Protein backbone atom coordinates (compact mmCIF):
# COMPACT_ATOMS: atom_id res chain seq x y z
CA PHE A 1 152.40 20.95 -77.65
CA LEU A 2 154.38 19.27 -75.19
CA ARG A 3 152.50 16.62 -72.98
CA ILE A 4 149.41 15.87 -75.49
CA ARG A 5 150.78 16.41 -78.70
CA ARG A 6 149.65 13.28 -80.49
CA PRO A 7 147.83 12.09 -83.78
CA PRO A 8 144.12 13.30 -84.15
CA ARG A 9 142.57 11.35 -81.33
CA SER A 10 142.08 14.02 -78.71
CA THR A 11 138.87 15.23 -77.43
CA LEU A 12 138.63 18.20 -75.13
CA PHE A 13 135.42 19.24 -73.32
CA PRO A 14 134.86 22.38 -71.26
CA TYR A 15 132.80 22.44 -68.08
CA THR A 16 129.35 23.51 -69.28
CA THR A 17 126.75 20.78 -67.84
CA LEU A 18 125.05 21.57 -64.63
CA PHE A 19 123.14 19.54 -62.59
CA ARG A 20 119.79 19.98 -60.28
CA SER A 21 120.95 21.40 -57.26
CA THR A 22 119.68 22.93 -54.00
CA GLN A 23 119.73 26.71 -52.74
CA GLU A 24 122.01 25.25 -49.98
CA GLU A 25 124.36 23.83 -52.47
CA TRP A 26 125.02 27.16 -54.15
CA GLY A 27 125.76 28.75 -50.56
CA GLY A 28 123.65 31.90 -51.22
CA LYS A 29 125.81 32.53 -54.41
CA GLU A 30 123.25 31.38 -57.44
CA GLY A 31 124.96 31.92 -60.70
CA CYS A 32 128.59 31.41 -59.52
CA THR A 33 129.11 27.89 -60.79
CA GLU A 34 132.49 27.99 -59.18
CA ILE A 35 131.35 27.86 -55.74
CA LEU A 36 130.07 24.20 -56.34
CA ASN A 37 133.88 23.34 -56.26
CA LEU A 38 133.49 24.01 -52.52
CA THR A 39 129.93 23.01 -51.69
CA VAL A 40 129.48 19.84 -53.86
CA PRO A 41 132.92 18.78 -54.99
CA GLU A 42 131.74 15.24 -55.38
CA LYS A 43 129.11 16.30 -57.93
CA VAL A 44 131.58 18.30 -59.94
CA GLN A 45 133.99 15.46 -59.82
CA SER A 46 131.19 13.05 -61.35
CA ILE A 47 130.49 15.17 -64.07
CA HIS A 48 134.39 15.05 -65.04
CA GLU A 49 134.16 11.56 -64.70
CA ASN A 50 131.28 11.05 -67.21
CA TYR A 51 133.58 12.66 -70.06
CA PHE A 52 136.36 10.65 -69.28
CA ALA A 53 134.18 7.43 -69.03
CA VAL A 54 133.43 8.22 -72.88
CA GLY A 55 136.84 8.69 -73.78
CA SER A 56 137.94 12.30 -73.40
CA ASP A 57 141.79 12.68 -73.13
CA VAL A 58 141.30 16.21 -71.47
CA VAL A 59 138.81 17.72 -69.11
CA GLU A 60 138.65 21.18 -68.04
CA THR A 61 138.46 22.49 -64.43
CA ASN A 62 135.13 24.21 -63.48
CA THR A 63 136.99 27.67 -63.50
CA PHE A 64 135.63 29.26 -66.37
CA GLY A 65 134.69 32.56 -64.15
CA ALA A 66 136.99 32.04 -61.25
CA ASN A 67 139.07 35.17 -61.88
CA GLU A 68 138.91 37.89 -59.11
CA ILE A 69 137.02 40.33 -61.28
CA VAL A 70 134.08 37.75 -61.76
CA LEU A 71 134.24 36.35 -58.20
CA ALA A 72 134.02 40.03 -56.94
CA GLU A 73 130.39 39.95 -58.01
CA TYR A 74 129.82 37.28 -55.43
CA ASP A 75 132.11 38.74 -52.79
CA LEU A 76 134.34 35.86 -53.38
CA GLN A 77 137.44 37.56 -54.68
CA GLY A 78 139.45 36.86 -51.57
CA ARG A 79 139.09 33.14 -52.22
CA THR A 80 140.36 33.10 -55.80
CA ILE A 81 143.34 31.05 -55.36
CA GLU A 82 141.52 28.58 -53.00
CA ILE A 83 138.57 28.02 -55.24
CA ASN A 84 141.10 27.22 -58.32
CA ARG A 85 143.34 25.22 -56.29
CA ILE A 86 140.37 22.92 -55.27
CA ALA A 87 138.86 22.85 -58.67
CA ALA A 88 142.13 21.57 -60.23
CA GLN A 89 142.42 18.95 -57.48
CA ILE A 90 138.67 17.68 -58.16
CA THR A 91 139.71 17.21 -61.79
CA ARG A 92 142.99 15.44 -60.94
CA ARG A 93 140.81 13.01 -58.77
CA ALA A 94 138.51 12.39 -61.77
CA VAL A 95 141.75 11.92 -63.97
CA GLU A 96 143.28 9.28 -61.52
CA LYS A 97 140.35 7.06 -61.66
CA TYR A 98 140.82 6.66 -65.52
CA GLN A 99 144.55 7.07 -65.92
CA HIS A 100 145.09 3.40 -65.86
CA ILE A 101 143.35 2.97 -69.24
CA LYS A 102 145.44 5.62 -71.02
CA PRO A 103 146.98 9.03 -70.19
CA ARG A 104 144.38 11.77 -69.11
CA PHE A 105 145.11 15.52 -68.50
CA VAL A 106 143.73 18.43 -66.55
CA ALA A 107 143.09 21.74 -68.39
CA GLY A 108 142.77 24.74 -66.38
CA SER A 109 140.08 26.90 -67.72
CA MET A 110 140.26 30.58 -68.01
CA GLY A 111 137.11 32.40 -69.34
CA PRO A 112 136.89 35.89 -70.65
CA GLY A 113 135.41 37.52 -67.44
CA THR A 114 132.60 39.93 -67.66
CA LYS A 115 134.54 42.96 -67.97
CA LEU A 116 136.80 43.94 -71.12
CA ILE A 117 139.48 46.38 -71.43
CA SER A 118 138.95 47.59 -74.81
CA LEU A 119 135.32 48.55 -74.01
CA GLY A 120 137.00 50.60 -71.02
CA GLN A 121 135.11 48.32 -68.50
CA THR A 122 138.29 47.52 -66.55
CA ASP A 123 142.11 48.20 -67.12
CA PHE A 124 145.12 46.03 -67.65
CA ASP A 125 146.48 45.88 -64.21
CA THR A 126 143.30 45.24 -62.63
CA MET A 127 142.60 42.45 -65.23
CA TYR A 128 146.22 41.03 -64.88
CA HIS A 129 146.23 40.70 -61.21
CA SER A 130 142.66 38.99 -61.56
CA TYR A 131 144.18 36.11 -63.73
CA PHE A 132 147.28 35.95 -61.85
CA ALA A 133 145.37 34.71 -58.73
CA LEU A 134 143.37 32.37 -61.04
CA ALA A 135 146.59 30.96 -62.61
CA GLN A 136 148.39 30.40 -58.94
CA GLY A 137 145.53 28.39 -57.77
CA LEU A 138 145.44 26.30 -60.84
CA ILE A 139 149.00 25.50 -60.59
CA LYS A 140 148.83 24.75 -57.00
CA GLY A 141 146.11 22.53 -57.57
CA GLY A 142 148.00 20.40 -60.32
CA VAL A 143 146.72 21.37 -63.91
CA ASP A 144 148.82 19.83 -66.72
CA LEU A 145 147.88 22.99 -69.12
CA PHE A 146 145.93 26.14 -69.40
CA ILE A 147 143.10 27.06 -71.67
CA ILE A 148 142.42 30.74 -72.04
CA GLU A 149 138.95 30.38 -73.94
CA THR A 150 136.01 31.87 -75.20
CA CYS A 151 138.08 35.08 -75.90
CA GLN A 152 136.41 38.23 -77.25
CA ASP A 153 138.97 40.69 -76.72
CA VAL A 154 142.62 40.49 -77.79
CA LEU A 155 143.87 42.80 -75.25
CA GLN A 156 142.31 40.58 -72.59
CA ILE A 157 144.12 37.52 -74.21
CA LYS A 158 147.51 39.50 -73.89
CA THR A 159 146.68 40.41 -70.27
CA CYS A 160 145.79 36.92 -69.25
CA LEU A 161 149.01 35.36 -71.12
CA LEU A 162 151.28 37.58 -69.28
CA ALA A 163 149.50 36.59 -65.96
CA VAL A 164 149.79 32.93 -66.71
CA GLN A 165 153.39 33.33 -67.82
CA ASP A 166 154.49 35.15 -64.92
CA ALA A 167 152.60 32.71 -62.42
CA MET A 168 154.57 29.86 -64.24
CA LYS A 169 157.68 31.42 -63.82
CA GLN A 170 157.11 32.08 -60.19
CA ASN A 171 156.33 28.62 -59.55
CA ASP A 172 159.16 27.28 -61.81
CA VAL A 173 157.01 25.30 -64.15
CA ARG A 174 156.16 25.42 -67.98
CA LEU A 175 153.00 24.14 -68.98
CA PRO A 176 151.23 24.39 -72.45
CA VAL A 177 148.99 27.20 -73.11
CA ILE A 178 145.90 26.93 -75.37
CA VAL A 179 144.17 30.14 -76.57
CA SER A 180 140.70 29.66 -77.95
CA VAL A 181 138.58 32.70 -79.45
CA THR A 182 134.94 32.84 -79.96
CA VAL A 183 133.67 34.45 -83.30
CA GLU A 184 130.19 36.04 -83.35
CA THR A 185 127.55 35.35 -86.29
CA THR A 186 129.15 38.89 -87.56
CA GLY A 187 132.37 37.40 -88.39
CA THR A 188 134.26 38.99 -85.78
CA LEU A 189 135.10 38.79 -82.02
CA LEU A 190 132.80 40.62 -80.05
CA ILE A 191 135.05 43.52 -79.75
CA GLY A 192 135.08 43.94 -83.53
CA SER A 193 138.53 42.25 -84.46
CA GLU A 194 138.79 40.13 -87.75
CA MET A 195 140.44 36.93 -87.76
CA GLY A 196 143.40 38.43 -89.37
CA ALA A 197 143.96 40.99 -86.77
CA VAL A 198 143.76 38.28 -84.08
CA LEU A 199 146.37 36.12 -85.73
CA THR A 200 148.80 39.03 -86.34
CA ALA A 201 148.15 40.34 -82.68
CA LEU A 202 148.90 36.81 -81.18
CA ALA A 203 151.64 35.77 -83.75
CA PRO A 204 154.67 36.94 -81.56
CA LEU A 205 153.06 35.67 -78.34
CA GLU A 206 153.99 32.31 -76.48
CA ILE A 207 151.05 30.22 -77.48
CA ASP A 208 151.44 26.54 -78.00
CA VAL A 209 148.00 25.97 -79.50
CA LEU A 210 145.31 28.33 -80.92
CA GLY A 211 141.53 27.93 -82.01
CA MET A 212 138.04 28.56 -81.65
CA ASN A 213 135.22 27.50 -79.15
CA CYS A 214 131.51 28.31 -78.35
CA ALA A 215 129.53 31.02 -79.93
CA THR A 216 128.27 29.29 -83.28
CA GLY A 217 127.71 25.78 -84.19
CA PRO A 218 130.50 24.05 -86.13
CA ASP A 219 129.45 24.87 -89.43
CA HIS A 220 129.75 28.41 -89.15
CA MET A 221 133.30 28.25 -87.99
CA ARG A 222 134.67 26.93 -91.39
CA PRO A 223 136.24 29.97 -92.80
CA TYR A 224 137.91 31.05 -89.68
CA ILE A 225 139.19 27.48 -89.01
CA LYS A 226 140.82 27.42 -92.51
CA GLN A 227 142.59 30.64 -91.88
CA ILE A 228 143.76 29.59 -88.65
CA CYS A 229 144.99 26.34 -90.05
CA ARG A 230 146.85 28.22 -92.96
CA GLN A 231 148.63 30.73 -90.73
CA PHE A 232 149.05 29.36 -87.02
CA PRO A 233 152.27 27.19 -86.96
CA GLY A 234 151.25 25.14 -83.97
CA PRO A 235 148.47 22.51 -83.14
CA VAL A 236 144.88 23.98 -83.77
CA ILE A 237 141.87 23.30 -81.62
CA VAL A 238 138.09 23.26 -82.39
CA GLN A 239 135.52 23.13 -79.70
CA PRO A 240 131.98 24.28 -81.10
CA ASN A 241 128.79 24.39 -79.42
CA ALA A 242 125.99 21.83 -80.18
CA GLY A 243 124.76 24.58 -82.63
CA LEU A 244 123.39 27.97 -81.79
CA PRO A 245 121.05 28.01 -78.98
CA GLN A 246 117.50 28.25 -79.67
CA ASN A 247 114.45 29.23 -77.36
CA VAL A 248 112.07 26.07 -77.37
CA ASP A 249 109.06 26.72 -75.10
CA GLY A 250 110.70 29.41 -72.97
CA GLU A 251 114.07 27.36 -72.52
CA MET A 252 117.27 27.71 -74.15
CA VAL A 253 118.41 24.59 -75.99
CA TYR A 254 121.06 23.17 -78.34
CA THR A 255 119.30 21.57 -81.31
CA LEU A 256 122.22 20.37 -83.64
CA SER A 257 122.13 16.68 -83.81
CA VAL A 258 125.10 14.47 -82.65
CA GLU A 259 125.61 13.09 -86.18
CA ASP A 260 125.94 16.49 -87.83
CA TYR A 261 128.14 17.85 -84.99
CA VAL A 262 130.52 14.85 -85.24
CA ASP A 263 130.57 14.90 -89.17
CA THR A 264 131.65 18.58 -89.31
CA LEU A 265 134.33 18.26 -86.51
CA VAL A 266 135.74 15.32 -88.42
CA SER A 267 135.89 17.11 -91.87
CA PHE A 268 137.86 19.82 -89.89
CA VAL A 269 140.64 17.14 -89.22
CA SER A 270 140.44 15.43 -92.61
CA GLU A 271 140.32 18.70 -94.48
CA GLN A 272 142.00 21.35 -92.49
CA GLY A 273 144.54 19.56 -90.33
CA VAL A 274 142.80 20.67 -86.82
CA GLN A 275 144.50 18.33 -84.27
CA ILE A 276 142.49 18.67 -81.14
CA VAL A 277 138.71 18.56 -81.21
CA GLY A 278 136.14 18.51 -78.56
CA GLY A 279 132.78 20.20 -77.26
CA CYS A 280 131.40 23.34 -75.84
CA CYS A 281 127.80 24.39 -74.62
CA GLY A 282 125.15 21.72 -75.26
CA THR A 283 127.73 19.03 -75.83
CA THR A 284 126.78 16.11 -73.65
CA PRO A 285 128.90 12.95 -73.08
CA ASP A 286 126.75 11.54 -76.22
CA TYR A 287 128.67 13.90 -78.43
CA ILE A 288 131.96 13.43 -77.13
CA SER A 289 131.28 9.49 -77.20
CA ALA A 290 130.12 9.67 -80.97
CA LEU A 291 133.37 11.82 -81.69
CA ARG A 292 135.70 9.60 -80.03
CA GLU A 293 134.24 6.69 -82.10
CA LYS A 294 134.35 8.36 -85.22
CA ILE A 295 137.90 10.08 -85.10
CA GLU A 296 139.74 6.84 -84.51
CA SER A 297 139.61 6.02 -88.14
CA ILE A 298 140.26 9.83 -89.50
CA GLU A 299 143.47 10.44 -91.30
CA LEU A 300 144.89 14.15 -90.44
CA LYS A 301 145.54 16.29 -93.23
CA LYS A 302 149.08 17.62 -93.41
CA ARG A 303 149.30 21.43 -92.83
CA ASN A 304 151.72 23.70 -94.34
CA PRO A 305 150.99 27.06 -92.31
CA GLN A 306 152.64 30.34 -93.39
CA MET A 307 152.57 33.63 -91.64
CA HIS A 308 152.80 36.79 -93.41
CA TRP A 309 154.28 39.22 -91.07
CA SER A 310 151.95 42.22 -90.12
CA VAL A 311 150.94 44.77 -87.75
CA SER A 312 147.48 45.53 -86.86
CA SER A 313 144.86 47.79 -85.12
CA LEU A 314 142.28 46.55 -82.83
CA PHE A 315 140.25 45.53 -85.96
CA SER A 316 142.23 44.78 -88.98
CA ALA A 317 145.74 43.79 -90.00
CA GLN A 318 148.08 45.23 -92.45
CA THR A 319 151.03 43.47 -94.06
CA LEU A 320 154.37 45.12 -93.62
CA ARG A 321 155.24 44.30 -97.23
CA GLN A 322 152.69 46.30 -99.31
CA ASP A 323 152.02 45.83 -103.02
CA PRO A 324 152.58 48.35 -104.30
CA ALA A 325 155.08 49.40 -101.87
CA PRO A 326 155.86 51.31 -99.62
CA PHE A 327 154.05 50.87 -96.14
CA PHE A 328 152.95 54.41 -95.55
CA VAL A 329 153.05 55.93 -91.99
CA GLY A 330 150.90 58.87 -91.14
CA GLU A 331 152.73 61.37 -88.93
CA ARG A 332 150.13 63.96 -88.27
CA ALA A 333 149.37 62.51 -85.00
CA ASN A 334 152.66 63.77 -83.56
CA THR A 335 153.37 66.94 -81.66
CA ASN A 336 156.45 67.35 -83.72
CA GLY A 337 154.83 66.74 -87.17
CA SER A 338 151.56 68.74 -86.92
CA LYS A 339 150.88 72.12 -85.46
CA ILE A 340 147.19 71.45 -85.53
CA PHE A 341 147.69 68.21 -83.43
CA ARG A 342 149.84 70.06 -80.94
CA GLU A 343 147.16 72.54 -80.38
CA TYR A 344 144.47 70.07 -79.72
CA LEU A 345 146.92 68.52 -77.16
CA LEU A 346 147.56 71.76 -75.37
CA ALA A 347 143.88 72.31 -75.29
CA GLU A 348 143.15 68.81 -74.20
CA ASP A 349 140.85 68.54 -77.07
CA TRP A 350 140.54 64.77 -77.24
CA ASP A 351 138.13 64.61 -79.90
CA GLY A 352 140.04 66.94 -82.10
CA ILE A 353 143.00 64.44 -81.65
CA VAL A 354 140.91 61.45 -82.83
CA ASN A 355 139.82 63.41 -85.98
CA VAL A 356 143.48 64.16 -86.96
CA ALA A 357 144.08 60.31 -86.47
CA ARG A 358 140.90 59.55 -88.56
CA GLN A 359 142.06 61.94 -91.40
CA GLN A 360 145.34 60.03 -91.70
CA GLN A 361 143.16 56.89 -92.22
CA LYS A 362 141.20 58.56 -95.05
CA THR A 363 144.20 59.60 -96.91
CA GLY A 364 145.37 56.10 -97.22
CA ALA A 365 147.96 55.66 -94.53
CA HIS A 366 148.70 52.13 -93.47
CA GLY A 367 149.89 52.94 -89.78
CA LEU A 368 149.72 55.81 -87.65
CA ASP A 369 152.54 57.33 -85.74
CA VAL A 370 151.65 58.75 -82.13
CA CYS A 371 153.69 61.25 -80.32
CA VAL A 372 152.16 63.40 -77.49
CA ALA A 373 155.65 64.54 -76.07
CA TYR A 374 155.72 68.10 -75.37
CA THR A 375 157.91 70.08 -72.87
CA GLY A 376 156.15 70.86 -69.42
CA ARG A 377 153.28 68.22 -69.89
CA ASP A 378 152.57 64.73 -68.32
CA GLU A 379 153.48 62.63 -71.35
CA VAL A 380 152.23 59.41 -69.63
CA ALA A 381 148.95 60.87 -68.84
CA ASP A 382 148.59 62.32 -72.25
CA ILE A 383 149.53 59.06 -74.13
CA LYS A 384 146.92 57.15 -72.07
CA GLU A 385 144.16 59.72 -72.93
CA ALA A 386 145.24 59.79 -76.63
CA VAL A 387 145.49 55.91 -77.23
CA ARG A 388 142.54 54.96 -75.25
CA ARG A 389 140.50 57.06 -77.82
CA ILE A 390 142.11 56.23 -81.00
CA VAL A 391 142.26 52.47 -80.46
CA THR A 392 138.64 51.94 -80.73
CA ARG A 393 137.86 54.66 -83.31
CA VAL A 394 140.65 54.40 -85.69
CA ASP A 395 141.35 51.37 -87.89
CA LEU A 396 145.02 51.91 -88.18
CA PRO A 397 148.16 50.02 -86.43
CA LEU A 398 149.74 52.49 -84.03
CA PHE A 399 153.46 53.35 -83.95
CA ILE A 400 154.24 54.74 -80.56
CA ASP A 401 156.72 57.14 -81.03
CA SER A 402 158.61 58.07 -77.47
CA THR A 403 162.03 58.16 -75.86
CA ASP A 404 160.23 57.47 -72.31
CA ILE A 405 159.93 53.51 -71.84
CA ASN A 406 157.17 54.26 -69.21
CA VAL A 407 155.18 56.00 -71.93
CA LEU A 408 155.74 52.86 -74.24
CA GLU A 409 154.63 50.45 -71.50
CA VAL A 410 151.53 52.46 -70.78
CA ALA A 411 150.51 52.78 -74.42
CA LEU A 412 151.12 48.91 -74.81
CA LYS A 413 148.68 48.17 -72.21
CA LEU A 414 146.02 49.77 -74.18
CA ILE A 415 146.57 48.33 -77.52
CA GLY A 416 144.84 45.08 -78.48
CA GLY A 417 146.31 45.09 -81.94
CA ARG A 418 149.91 44.58 -82.70
CA ALA A 419 151.60 47.90 -82.33
CA VAL A 420 155.14 49.20 -83.30
CA ILE A 421 157.56 50.83 -81.15
CA ASN A 422 159.39 53.81 -82.88
CA SER A 423 162.12 53.38 -82.22
CA ILE A 424 165.50 51.98 -80.77
CA ASN A 425 169.15 52.64 -81.80
CA LEU A 426 172.58 52.24 -80.33
CA GLU A 427 173.54 55.82 -79.92
CA ASP A 428 173.99 55.36 -76.08
CA GLY A 429 174.99 52.01 -75.96
CA GLU A 430 172.94 48.56 -75.54
CA GLU A 431 171.36 48.92 -72.44
CA ARG A 432 168.45 51.11 -73.34
CA ALA A 433 167.73 49.06 -76.31
CA HIS A 434 167.63 45.96 -74.42
CA LYS A 435 165.05 47.28 -72.29
CA ILE A 436 162.84 48.36 -75.15
CA CYS A 437 163.35 45.27 -76.81
CA ALA A 438 162.24 43.26 -73.52
CA LEU A 439 159.25 45.42 -73.42
CA ALA A 440 158.38 44.70 -77.08
CA LYS A 441 158.73 40.91 -76.88
CA ARG A 442 156.32 40.96 -73.33
CA TYR A 443 153.71 42.75 -74.99
CA GLY A 444 154.05 41.39 -78.94
CA ALA A 445 155.02 44.73 -80.43
CA ALA A 446 157.32 45.06 -83.43
CA LEU A 447 160.16 47.52 -83.72
CA ILE A 448 161.82 50.05 -85.87
CA ALA A 449 165.59 50.11 -85.44
CA LEU A 450 167.57 53.07 -86.52
CA THR A 451 171.30 52.15 -87.80
CA ILE A 452 173.09 54.62 -85.32
CA ASP A 453 175.49 53.60 -82.51
CA GLU A 454 177.77 55.71 -80.44
CA THR A 455 179.77 56.83 -83.30
CA GLY A 456 176.88 58.04 -85.71
CA MET A 457 174.79 56.50 -88.45
CA ALA A 458 176.00 53.71 -90.69
CA HIS A 459 176.69 54.58 -94.18
CA LYS A 460 177.98 51.19 -95.51
CA VAL A 461 176.23 47.83 -95.71
CA GLU A 462 179.20 46.32 -93.53
CA LYS A 463 178.49 48.81 -90.65
């Protein structure tokens, strides 16, 4: 974990505490916490300092909603880079006041925004550019790491990760990246993804630290933290709320006691091997102070994580090695494999296409091959329409079957789970395979590779 990988003595606090403020301080942008970086930077800095003063190693920037999509709701999208740069600089000034005691760090906060791709509220490219501007500002302001937090949609995580990675590449820096999901009381992400699907989709991506924050209190996180610790190879982070918010006399409050909060988080360290702990909504400096004091004497449990290689839909995962074998791939949602599917495509009967895919799920397929290639039709437009509907209505990993690289990328931008590209070979040399492999790496897809080169199919092991 690069700069802050240490024994279990780290606390991380997201910016969740507000202060009494006037309408003038909000600048006519009530509800936009990020505007306070511009109007009252000294107050924002004082909040950061409160947490460093009680022992936090890392404090997050006040940029949870500072992406272009959210800021556009306040007509501030044109100031995205500026707001994030200034927010990072404010947190950096707080760091400098406490750096002499021990190393302190600035985490650039990136929240989920107000629109999700998997719900059709926005699209991949719009969200990518929204986060790219946020990441650019944080880098210019001097953050030490990124935290993509309170994630509710795996496709949003993928989009944000790519924006962060591209921004770092453009600025010639490499900073640690944390991803933190939030699980509802239903046991899934808001979009309906089980933790197994999340771990599968994120496994091939460049993530340094993975964990959970927000939503429930710490006790409800136990089964999901256990699952992450068993499978994710890197450090695990936990930042719960101070319990579930409750309505008390018309006001939303967090009622979990400091003692109960600390005891549960300490058990995550000693029993599961969680390496980074901290607070989310409702955790005042008292929580962090007590956590810091208690955690000094706790021994970190050694973890032995093991990832079972899988592919996934938006909702659930399928291991590649099935017991009993084999892994069945349904081929009816394919213009070359089903006359009725082809007729639905030609009639642009998208509900019919979804029904074919659902039938494949009912017959026990573990994955679904999707091919819409047909002479004279726009394959890019067709794959977009088909995949957009299938991903939210069929619980099967998708195998995208196309010879067109543009079609593959359009499909991958719509898939929150871990898809499979079907397929690559060396029939025309290595150049095309390199391009598709690069695409698979960027979007975290798996690949089917056919043993064919310029001279034909391999018939012996040595070939």
